[in-house]
Amino acid sequence: MGMSASGQQRIINTINPGERPFGSPLGPRPTRVLLLGAGELGREIAISLMRLGAWVGAADSYPGAPATQVAHAGYQVKMSDPQALEDLIDKVQPDLIVPEVEAIATDRLVGAAARGIQVVPAAPLAAMCMDRRALRVFAHEQVGLPTTPYRFADSPEELASAADQVGYPCMVKPLMSSSGHGQTLVRSKDDLSQAWNSALTQGRAATKHQGKAEVIVEALAPLAHELTVLTVASSAGVATCTPIGQRQEDGDYRLSWQPAALNPDILQQARSMATRLVEAMTSLARQSDETGWGIYGVEIFVLRDGSLLFNEVAPRPHDTGMVTMISQRLTEFDLHARAILGIPVHQEDLALNLPEGTCAVSRPILVRGQGPVSFQGLPQALDHPGTDLRIFSKPEVYGLRRMGVALALGPDLQTATERAEAVVRDLKPRVGAGM
């Protein structure tokens, strides 16, 4: 919870979104929410919003996206196309717009906010969090959070110079990407050409800054642990979930667990860092008469010497936060839905719902191949104690794709992880037209 020196919860916003009608989504005056991005996270957000009586439309670039299967209406649109996005907003006439992907024409979100539509968490924040340059400058240079040394480069020559300045090994990333796309671990000068090409070809629309191709070069930190601190900004103030531990491979998460079993002082520092960042972001939102309400996935590095560095923040539910579907009374999706609708979210709403000493784990279910996917072995997969899963119902796989998530509880991290691995092992994917 955001606290003042006197120990009182800080009120981060007094803007009242108005009395909105809920409970009759098919009636004449429903509260209408438009999700821009309809993947597995969007699907869970849609369900949480619909449970509160909102009308939900979901848009994505491909047919049959997970959230479109459960929403009141689904749309296929290229959201990085400014005119296509503007046409969609005009068609849906939403009360709220909830961006769930990076490749969005953010100038149209600014225009929507100017028309009185609530953009989640706020139009300037959505744009900033999709641009690693803007985010790093804000978090490090304005808020004052410690980060790894970094440089920006807009040519192969500048990349070589930037790598020399931060040192080898280093990470080269597009200004915009997700799930590790376009990121390269550079161990020597010999890797720079491939890193430059990967960032420009695999990054998303905002790999350019002021019309020029650009990348960010980051020093490789001596990591001991990676944390996600889910931080909720609502009409009641700022509150933080119990920190989540995570393990990444190739820039994408492979395991997350809650609670993260680290020194309590380190965990408190992480929560304080996340609170400080989100309070600064909501303050920025207020400058444009917006709320900044919603959940933020704040990624923090814990170094071998126990110090902490800010990494990134997503102004939406976080992949690693899927563990809250088994660990908390209110999932990260429930908390996001409540916050953006103006419902107060208090620190006690973020409490774990676990027996003392229990660990919760989420483990993504990855499928490799080409074509439509089905699963067999569901009874066997869920015949393990303390387990659950979500199948995302994506229409097909191309290459390696996350198609579900296994959830498990155990008396310790190892046992919970073994149970989640057993779910994945016993769930048999079949890929292709003859599935």
Protein backbone atom coordinates (compact mmCIF):
# COMPACT_ATOMS: atom_id res chain seq x y z
CA MET A 1 0.00 0.00 0.00
CA GLY A 2 1.27 3.48 -0.73
CA MET A 3 1.92 5.02 2.69
CA SER A 4 2.72 8.54 3.77
CA ALA A 5 5.18 9.31 6.55
CA SER A 6 2.27 9.28 8.99
CA GLY A 7 1.36 5.74 7.94
CA GLN A 8 -1.84 6.77 6.19
CA GLN A 9 -2.72 5.30 2.80
CA ARG A 10 -2.02 7.85 0.07
CA ILE A 11 -4.94 8.76 -2.15
CA ILE A 12 -3.45 8.83 -5.64
CA ASN A 13 -6.47 10.09 -7.52
CA THR A 14 -9.70 11.85 -6.71
CA ILE A 15 -11.07 11.74 -10.27
CA ASN A 16 -14.50 10.11 -10.25
CA PRO A 17 -15.10 8.13 -13.46
CA GLY A 18 -18.82 8.67 -12.95
CA GLU A 19 -21.68 6.45 -11.98
CA ARG A 20 -21.60 3.69 -14.56
CA PRO A 21 -24.33 1.07 -14.93
CA PHE A 22 -23.35 -2.58 -14.42
CA GLY A 23 -25.22 -5.84 -14.52
CA SER A 24 -27.07 -5.46 -17.84
CA PRO A 25 -24.35 -5.79 -20.49
CA LEU A 26 -26.93 -6.44 -23.20
CA GLY A 27 -29.22 -3.65 -22.04
CA PRO A 28 -29.56 -0.17 -23.56
CA ARG A 29 -26.80 1.55 -21.49
CA PRO A 30 -24.11 -0.92 -20.49
CA THR A 31 -20.62 0.03 -19.40
CA ARG A 32 -18.60 -0.89 -22.49
CA VAL A 33 -14.98 -2.03 -22.30
CA LEU A 34 -12.80 -2.55 -25.38
CA LEU A 35 -9.77 -4.83 -25.01
CA LEU A 36 -6.99 -4.11 -27.49
CA GLY A 37 -5.30 -7.50 -27.49
CA ALA A 38 -7.23 -10.72 -26.98
CA GLY A 39 -4.64 -13.28 -25.88
CA GLU A 40 -4.65 -15.43 -22.76
CA LEU A 41 -4.28 -12.48 -20.39
CA GLY A 42 -7.01 -10.57 -22.21
CA ARG A 43 -9.27 -13.62 -21.93
CA GLU A 44 -8.97 -13.66 -18.13
CA ILE A 45 -9.47 -9.88 -17.94
CA ALA A 46 -12.63 -10.21 -20.04
CA ILE A 47 -14.01 -12.88 -17.71
CA SER A 48 -13.27 -10.76 -14.63
CA LEU A 49 -14.94 -7.71 -16.17
CA MET A 50 -17.97 -9.72 -17.27
CA ARG A 51 -18.39 -11.11 -13.76
CA LEU A 52 -18.82 -7.50 -12.63
CA GLY A 53 -21.50 -6.90 -15.23
CA ALA A 54 -19.55 -4.99 -17.90
CA TRP A 55 -19.97 -5.40 -21.66
CA VAL A 56 -16.67 -6.51 -23.19
CA GLY A 57 -15.46 -6.33 -26.78
CA ALA A 58 -12.08 -7.89 -27.64
CA ALA A 59 -9.88 -7.11 -30.63
CA ASP A 60 -6.79 -8.80 -32.01
CA SER A 61 -4.96 -9.19 -35.30
CA TYR A 62 -5.96 -12.81 -35.91
CA PRO A 63 -9.28 -14.68 -35.89
CA GLY A 64 -10.28 -16.82 -32.95
CA ALA A 65 -8.03 -15.12 -30.39
CA PRO A 66 -8.72 -16.43 -26.84
CA ALA A 67 -10.55 -13.37 -25.45
CA THR A 68 -12.75 -13.07 -28.54
CA GLN A 69 -14.10 -16.54 -27.75
CA VAL A 70 -15.59 -15.37 -24.44
CA ALA A 71 -16.29 -11.64 -24.99
CA HIS A 72 -19.65 -10.19 -26.02
CA ALA A 73 -18.10 -9.19 -29.35
CA GLY A 74 -14.84 -9.95 -31.13
CA TYR A 75 -13.00 -7.94 -33.77
CA GLN A 76 -10.11 -8.66 -36.07
CA VAL A 77 -8.07 -5.52 -36.73
CA LYS A 78 -4.48 -4.39 -37.14
CA MET A 79 -4.20 -2.16 -34.11
CA SER A 80 -0.95 -0.53 -35.23
CA ASP A 81 -2.89 0.93 -38.17
CA PRO A 82 -4.09 4.34 -36.92
CA GLN A 83 -7.13 4.52 -39.17
CA ALA A 84 -8.18 0.95 -38.47
CA LEU A 85 -7.94 1.54 -34.73
CA GLU A 86 -9.86 4.81 -34.94
CA ASP A 87 -12.59 3.10 -36.97
CA LEU A 88 -12.84 0.35 -34.34
CA ILE A 89 -13.16 2.86 -31.50
CA ASP A 90 -15.84 4.76 -33.42
CA LYS A 91 -17.70 1.50 -34.02
CA VAL A 92 -17.59 0.18 -30.46
CA GLN A 93 -18.03 3.52 -28.64
CA PRO A 94 -16.39 2.20 -25.46
CA ASP A 95 -16.37 3.79 -22.03
CA LEU A 96 -12.96 2.23 -21.35
CA ILE A 97 -10.11 1.09 -23.61
CA VAL A 98 -7.76 -1.53 -22.16
CA PRO A 99 -4.53 -2.03 -24.16
CA GLU A 100 -3.15 -5.55 -23.77
CA VAL A 101 -0.47 -5.61 -26.49
CA GLU A 102 2.39 -3.33 -27.52
CA ALA A 103 1.69 -2.91 -31.24
CA ILE A 104 -0.93 -0.17 -30.96
CA ALA A 105 -1.23 3.23 -32.64
CA THR A 106 -0.84 5.09 -29.36
CA ASP A 107 -1.65 8.49 -30.85
CA ARG A 108 -5.20 7.24 -31.31
CA LEU A 109 -5.33 6.39 -27.61
CA VAL A 110 -4.41 9.98 -26.82
CA GLY A 111 -7.23 11.10 -29.11
CA ALA A 112 -9.66 8.73 -27.43
CA ALA A 113 -8.74 10.07 -23.98
CA ALA A 114 -9.31 13.62 -25.25
CA ARG A 115 -12.83 12.52 -26.21
CA GLY A 116 -13.56 11.42 -22.64
CA ILE A 117 -12.87 7.70 -23.05
CA GLN A 118 -10.98 6.19 -20.09
CA VAL A 119 -7.74 4.71 -21.43
CA VAL A 120 -6.19 2.17 -19.04
CA PRO A 121 -4.15 3.05 -17.15
CA ALA A 122 -3.77 6.38 -19.02
CA ALA A 123 -2.91 7.29 -22.59
CA PRO A 124 0.58 8.71 -21.81
CA LEU A 125 1.42 5.71 -19.62
CA ALA A 126 0.33 3.20 -22.25
CA ALA A 127 2.58 4.94 -24.78
CA MET A 128 5.53 5.21 -22.40
CA CYS A 129 5.45 1.58 -21.31
CA MET A 130 5.54 0.44 -24.95
CA ASP A 131 8.81 2.33 -25.52
CA ARG A 132 11.91 1.16 -23.64
CA ARG A 133 13.62 4.50 -24.20
CA ALA A 134 10.83 6.56 -22.67
CA LEU A 135 10.33 4.09 -19.82
CA ARG A 136 14.00 3.84 -18.89
CA VAL A 137 14.44 7.61 -18.96
CA PHE A 138 11.34 8.07 -16.77
CA ALA A 139 12.14 5.35 -14.23
CA HIS A 140 15.86 6.03 -13.89
CA GLU A 141 16.36 9.70 -14.68
CA GLN A 142 13.08 11.12 -13.35
CA VAL A 143 11.96 8.73 -10.60
CA GLY A 144 15.54 7.87 -9.62
CA LEU A 145 15.27 4.07 -9.58
CA PRO A 146 18.56 2.18 -9.96
CA THR A 147 18.96 0.28 -13.24
CA THR A 148 21.68 -1.52 -15.15
CA PRO A 149 23.93 0.82 -17.17
CA TYR A 150 22.35 1.43 -20.59
CA ARG A 151 22.83 3.25 -23.86
CA PHE A 152 20.73 3.80 -26.98
CA ALA A 153 21.96 3.22 -30.52
CA ASP A 154 20.42 4.12 -33.87
CA SER A 155 23.02 2.56 -36.20
CA PRO A 156 25.36 -0.46 -36.22
CA GLU A 157 28.25 1.92 -35.53
CA GLU A 158 26.52 3.44 -32.51
CA LEU A 159 25.66 -0.07 -31.33
CA ALA A 160 29.33 -1.02 -31.32
CA SER A 161 30.19 2.13 -29.36
CA ALA A 162 27.34 1.57 -26.89
CA ALA A 163 28.41 -2.03 -26.28
CA ASP A 164 31.94 -0.87 -25.56
CA GLN A 165 30.60 1.66 -23.04
CA VAL A 166 28.37 -0.74 -21.07
CA GLY A 167 30.78 -3.66 -21.50
CA TYR A 168 30.49 -7.28 -22.56
CA PRO A 169 28.43 -9.35 -22.17
CA CYS A 170 25.39 -7.13 -22.72
CA MET A 171 21.78 -7.34 -23.87
CA VAL A 172 20.54 -5.70 -27.07
CA LYS A 173 16.78 -5.14 -27.21
CA PRO A 174 14.29 -3.45 -29.54
CA LEU A 175 12.59 -0.38 -28.15
CA MET A 176 9.36 -2.39 -28.31
CA SER A 177 8.91 -6.13 -27.97
CA SER A 178 7.44 -8.74 -25.65
CA SER A 179 8.26 -12.29 -24.56
CA GLY A 180 11.90 -11.82 -25.48
CA HIS A 181 11.30 -11.18 -29.18
CA GLY A 182 14.27 -9.51 -30.82
CA GLN A 183 16.47 -9.62 -27.71
CA THR A 184 20.04 -10.89 -28.03
CA LEU A 185 22.74 -11.72 -25.51
CA VAL A 186 25.89 -10.20 -26.99
CA ARG A 187 29.09 -11.79 -25.72
CA SER A 188 31.53 -10.09 -28.11
CA LYS A 189 31.75 -7.74 -31.10
CA ASP A 190 31.15 -10.75 -33.36
CA ASP A 191 27.52 -10.90 -32.14
CA LEU A 192 26.63 -7.26 -32.82
CA SER A 193 25.51 -7.56 -36.44
CA GLN A 194 23.13 -10.40 -35.67
CA ALA A 195 21.82 -8.53 -32.61
CA TRP A 196 21.10 -5.39 -34.64
CA ASN A 197 19.26 -7.34 -37.33
CA SER A 198 17.29 -9.37 -34.79
CA ALA A 199 16.13 -6.27 -32.93
CA LEU A 200 14.95 -4.57 -36.10
CA THR A 201 13.25 -7.58 -37.65
CA GLN A 202 11.70 -9.21 -34.57
CA GLY A 203 10.81 -6.08 -32.57
CA ARG A 204 7.44 -4.42 -32.92
CA ALA A 205 6.28 -1.15 -34.35
CA ALA A 206 8.06 1.22 -31.96
CA THR A 207 11.57 -0.07 -32.67
CA LYS A 208 11.98 3.42 -34.14
CA HIS A 209 12.60 6.65 -32.24
CA GLN A 210 11.84 9.89 -34.07
CA GLY A 211 11.69 7.97 -37.34
CA LYS A 212 15.06 6.24 -36.88
CA ALA A 213 15.68 2.58 -36.08
CA GLU A 214 16.96 2.30 -32.52
CA VAL A 215 17.85 -0.28 -29.89
CA ILE A 216 18.69 -0.20 -26.20
CA VAL A 217 21.94 -1.77 -24.98
CA GLU A 218 21.99 -2.90 -21.34
CA ALA A 219 24.85 -4.15 -19.20
CA LEU A 220 24.35 -7.70 -18.01
CA ALA A 221 23.68 -7.61 -14.28
CA PRO A 222 25.03 -10.31 -11.92
CA LEU A 223 21.57 -11.68 -11.17
CA ALA A 224 20.68 -13.81 -8.22
CA HIS A 225 16.89 -13.59 -8.56
CA GLU A 226 14.17 -11.98 -10.67
CA LEU A 227 10.98 -10.70 -9.05
CA THR A 228 7.62 -9.47 -10.23
CA VAL A 229 5.80 -7.12 -7.87
CA LEU A 230 2.16 -6.81 -8.96
CA THR A 231 1.18 -3.29 -7.92
CA VAL A 232 -2.40 -2.02 -7.98
CA ALA A 233 -3.34 1.63 -8.32
CA SER A 234 -6.99 2.24 -7.50
CA SER A 235 -9.26 4.89 -6.04
CA ALA A 236 -8.06 3.71 -2.62
CA GLY A 237 -4.34 4.24 -3.30
CA VAL A 238 -1.43 1.96 -4.21
CA ALA A 239 -1.07 -1.57 -2.86
CA THR A 240 1.33 -4.42 -3.65
CA CYS A 241 0.92 -8.17 -3.92
CA THR A 242 3.32 -10.58 -2.26
CA PRO A 243 6.38 -10.61 -4.58
CA ILE A 244 6.54 -13.37 -7.18
CA GLY A 245 9.71 -15.23 -8.06
CA GLN A 246 10.35 -16.06 -11.69
CA ARG A 247 12.71 -17.93 -13.96
CA GLN A 248 13.27 -16.80 -17.54
CA GLU A 249 14.71 -18.47 -20.62
CA ASP A 250 15.27 -16.67 -23.93
CA GLY A 251 13.55 -13.58 -22.55
CA ASP A 252 10.30 -15.37 -21.67
CA TYR A 253 9.15 -16.79 -18.36
CA ARG A 254 9.32 -20.53 -17.75
CA LEU A 255 8.27 -20.67 -14.10
CA SER A 256 6.81 -18.31 -11.51
CA TRP A 257 6.07 -18.88 -7.85
CA GLN A 258 4.50 -17.07 -4.94
CA PRO A 259 5.59 -16.22 -2.34
CA ALA A 260 9.19 -15.58 -3.33
CA ALA A 261 11.28 -17.01 -0.49
CA LEU A 262 13.87 -14.26 -0.03
CA ASN A 263 15.13 -12.14 2.83
CA PRO A 264 12.15 -10.08 4.13
CA ASP A 265 14.20 -6.88 3.87
CA ILE A 266 14.82 -7.53 0.16
CA LEU A 267 11.13 -8.22 -0.45
CA GLN A 268 10.14 -5.02 1.36
CA GLN A 269 12.64 -3.03 -0.69
CA ALA A 270 11.15 -4.50 -3.85
CA ARG A 271 7.64 -3.54 -2.80
CA SER A 272 8.78 -0.03 -1.91
CA MET A 273 10.51 0.36 -5.28
CA ALA A 274 7.37 -0.78 -7.11
CA THR A 275 5.16 1.55 -5.05
CA ARG A 276 7.44 4.49 -5.74
CA LEU A 277 7.35 3.85 -9.48
CA VAL A 278 3.59 3.37 -9.72
CA GLU A 279 2.88 6.45 -7.61
CA ALA A 280 5.06 8.45 -10.00
CA MET A 281 3.20 6.98 -12.98
CA THR A 282 -0.21 7.79 -11.56
CA SER A 283 1.01 11.32 -10.83
CA LEU A 284 1.93 11.59 -14.51
CA ALA A 285 -1.53 10.33 -15.45
CA ARG A 286 -3.18 13.01 -13.34
CA GLN A 287 -1.36 15.68 -15.31
CA SER A 288 -3.55 14.72 -18.28
CA ASP A 289 -6.68 14.39 -16.11
CA GLU A 290 -6.58 10.60 -16.25
CA THR A 291 -6.65 8.08 -13.41
CA GLY A 292 -3.68 5.74 -13.86
CA TRP A 293 -5.81 3.01 -12.26
CA GLY A 294 -5.03 -0.64 -12.92
CA ILE A 295 -2.46 -3.29 -12.13
CA TYR A 296 1.22 -2.92 -13.00
CA GLY A 297 3.67 -5.79 -13.32
CA VAL A 298 6.94 -4.33 -12.00
CA GLU A 299 10.01 -6.44 -12.79
CA ILE A 300 12.93 -6.15 -10.38
CA PHE A 301 16.40 -7.72 -10.45
CA VAL A 302 17.97 -8.91 -7.20
CA LEU A 303 21.75 -8.96 -7.55
CA ARG A 304 24.19 -11.32 -5.88
CA ASP A 305 25.17 -8.66 -3.37
CA GLY A 306 21.52 -8.18 -2.35
CA SER A 307 21.01 -4.86 -4.12
CA LEU A 308 17.97 -4.26 -6.34
CA LEU A 309 17.58 -2.85 -9.84
CA PHE A 310 14.46 -1.85 -11.74
CA ASN A 311 14.06 -3.75 -15.02
CA GLU A 312 10.71 -3.09 -16.70
CA VAL A 313 7.04 -2.48 -15.98
CA ALA A 314 3.92 -3.58 -17.84
CA PRO A 315 0.78 -1.47 -17.16
CA ARG A 316 -1.41 -4.57 -17.22
CA PRO A 317 -1.54 -8.10 -15.77
CA HIS A 318 1.79 -9.88 -16.09
CA ASP A 319 2.58 -13.32 -17.51
CA THR A 320 4.24 -14.38 -14.28
CA GLY A 321 1.19 -13.20 -12.36
CA MET A 322 -0.86 -16.11 -13.71
CA VAL A 323 0.23 -17.87 -10.52
CA THR A 324 -2.34 -15.70 -8.70
CA MET A 325 -5.05 -17.87 -10.26
CA ILE A 326 -4.16 -20.42 -7.60
CA SER A 327 -2.42 -18.35 -4.92
CA GLN A 328 -4.71 -15.38 -4.16
CA ARG A 329 -8.39 -14.86 -3.37
CA LEU A 330 -8.50 -12.20 -6.08
CA THR A 331 -6.40 -12.92 -9.15
CA GLU A 332 -4.35 -10.24 -10.89
CA PHE A 333 -7.16 -10.10 -13.47
CA ASP A 334 -9.83 -9.53 -10.82
CA LEU A 335 -7.72 -6.79 -9.26
CA HIS A 336 -7.18 -5.11 -12.64
CA ALA A 337 -10.89 -5.22 -13.42
CA ARG A 338 -11.85 -3.75 -10.07
CA ALA A 339 -9.27 -0.99 -10.21
CA ILE A 340 -10.07 0.22 -13.74
CA LEU A 341 -13.80 0.29 -12.96
CA GLY A 342 -13.18 2.64 -10.03
CA ILE A 343 -13.67 0.02 -7.31
CA PRO A 344 -11.39 0.64 -4.30
CA VAL A 345 -8.69 -2.02 -3.90
CA HIS A 346 -7.19 -2.23 -0.42
CA GLN A 347 -4.04 -4.00 0.74
CA GLU A 348 -6.06 -6.82 2.32
CA ASP A 349 -7.65 -7.54 -1.08
CA LEU A 350 -4.20 -8.61 -2.32
CA ALA A 351 -3.58 -11.21 0.38
CA LEU A 352 -2.47 -14.72 -0.38
CA ASN A 353 -5.07 -17.46 -0.05
CA LEU A 354 -2.65 -20.21 0.91
CA PRO A 355 -2.13 -22.36 3.99
CA GLU A 356 0.92 -21.35 6.00
CA GLY A 357 4.13 -22.61 4.39
CA THR A 358 2.49 -23.42 1.03
CA CYS A 359 4.08 -22.43 -2.28
CA ALA A 360 2.12 -21.81 -5.51
CA VAL A 361 3.63 -22.29 -8.97
CA SER A 362 2.70 -21.49 -12.55
CA ARG A 363 4.43 -23.25 -15.42
CA PRO A 364 3.60 -22.38 -19.05
CA ILE A 365 2.55 -25.20 -21.37
CA LEU A 366 4.60 -24.78 -24.54
CA VAL A 367 3.75 -26.55 -27.79
CA ARG A 368 5.95 -26.73 -30.86
CA GLY A 369 4.69 -27.35 -34.38
CA GLN A 370 2.56 -25.89 -37.13
CA GLY A 371 -1.22 -25.98 -37.29
CA PRO A 372 -4.26 -26.42 -35.04
CA VAL A 373 -3.79 -27.96 -31.60
CA SER A 374 -5.82 -30.27 -29.39
CA PHE A 375 -4.95 -31.93 -26.09
CA GLN A 376 -5.47 -35.42 -24.72
CA GLY A 377 -4.83 -36.75 -21.25
CA LEU A 378 -6.75 -34.11 -19.30
CA PRO A 379 -7.97 -36.59 -16.64
CA GLN A 380 -4.43 -37.84 -16.08
CA ALA A 381 -2.95 -34.33 -16.08
CA LEU A 382 -5.26 -33.16 -13.30
CA ASP A 383 -5.00 -36.36 -11.26
CA HIS A 384 -2.12 -34.86 -9.28
CA PRO A 385 -2.81 -33.31 -5.86
CA GLY A 386 -2.99 -29.54 -5.63
CA THR A 387 -3.03 -28.90 -9.37
CA ASP A 388 -5.07 -26.97 -11.91
CA LEU A 389 -4.54 -25.67 -15.43
CA ARG A 390 -5.81 -23.26 -18.03
CA ILE A 391 -5.89 -24.14 -21.72
CA PHE A 392 -5.79 -20.92 -23.71
CA SER A 393 -7.70 -22.25 -26.76
CA LYS A 394 -5.48 -20.47 -29.28
CA PRO A 395 -6.53 -21.58 -32.77
CA GLU A 396 -3.11 -22.81 -33.86
CA VAL A 397 0.57 -23.00 -33.07
CA TYR A 398 3.41 -21.76 -35.25
CA GLY A 399 6.88 -22.62 -34.06
CA LEU A 400 6.97 -22.61 -30.24
CA ARG A 401 3.89 -21.09 -28.63
CA ARG A 402 2.45 -20.85 -25.13
CA MET A 403 -0.84 -22.73 -25.26
CA GLY A 404 -1.73 -23.08 -21.60
CA VAL A 405 -0.46 -22.86 -18.04
CA ALA A 406 -0.14 -25.49 -15.31
CA LEU A 407 -0.82 -24.39 -11.72
CA ALA A 408 0.21 -26.25 -8.61
CA LEU A 409 0.47 -26.00 -4.84
CA GLY A 410 2.98 -27.73 -2.61
CA PRO A 411 4.64 -27.57 0.81
CA ASP A 412 7.73 -26.09 -0.89
CA LEU A 413 8.86 -24.76 -4.25
CA GLN A 414 10.38 -28.04 -5.37
CA THR A 415 7.25 -30.10 -4.70
CA ALA A 416 4.95 -27.52 -6.30
CA THR A 417 7.22 -27.36 -9.36
CA GLU A 418 7.29 -31.16 -9.67
CA ARG A 419 3.49 -31.25 -9.57
CA ALA A 420 3.23 -28.58 -12.27
CA GLU A 421 5.74 -30.48 -14.40
CA ALA A 422 3.63 -33.62 -13.97
CA VAL A 423 0.59 -31.77 -15.33
CA VAL A 424 2.58 -30.67 -18.38
CA ARG A 425 3.99 -34.17 -18.88
CA ASP A 426 0.60 -35.88 -18.81
CA LEU A 427 -1.18 -33.37 -21.05
CA LYS A 428 -0.58 -34.64 -24.58
CA PRO A 429 -0.77 -32.02 -27.38
CA ARG A 430 -1.61 -33.06 -30.93
CA VAL A 431 -0.69 -30.64 -33.69
CA GLY A 432 -1.76 -30.53 -37.31
CA ALA A 433 -4.74 -31.00 -39.56
CA GLY A 434 -5.10 -34.67 -38.66
CA MET A 435 -5.18 -34.07 -34.90
